[in-house]
């Protein structure tokens, strides 16, 4: 796989043929078409790697949202005990990133309501981020597909050059 490339250009003329531009990559001579294919494949692979990283991050955020939604429901139903609240509060601040004012105790309706509002803001933010990430993933997948389709079309257009391309990649 091409990681980093320094390209040198020269004029190459097979016996009895017109000279064409050749590009030297890792000691292999490529035509412009072959070089373009290599670049498209590399771009597609990069998009795929970025997509995987983004999806892994989204999976982690989904797990956070599930846990947070459970705590949100318990707060609303008043089923979190006073002894559980410090642990839940610590998780909400440290892991979920709730920045709003969270009471140290939830011994009244007003304090539970305050905790719910602080969580609500963070949950809305995370949900919005999930939606934006999904749009990013769709865009990256489209870019990857374009890169692979372009390289596939070029391979077909170049005909017998596939072996040369495969050796370079």
Foldseek 3Di string as FASTA:
>chain_A
DDDDWDWDWDWDADVPGHTAIWIATPNATHGPLLVLLVVLLVLLVVLVVVLVVLVVVLVVLVVVLVVLVVVLVCLVVVNQDQVRVQVVVCCCCPPLNQPFDQDNGDPDPVNSVSNNVSSVVSSVVSVVVSVVSVVVSVVSNVSSVVSNVSSVVSCVVVDPCVVSSVVSD
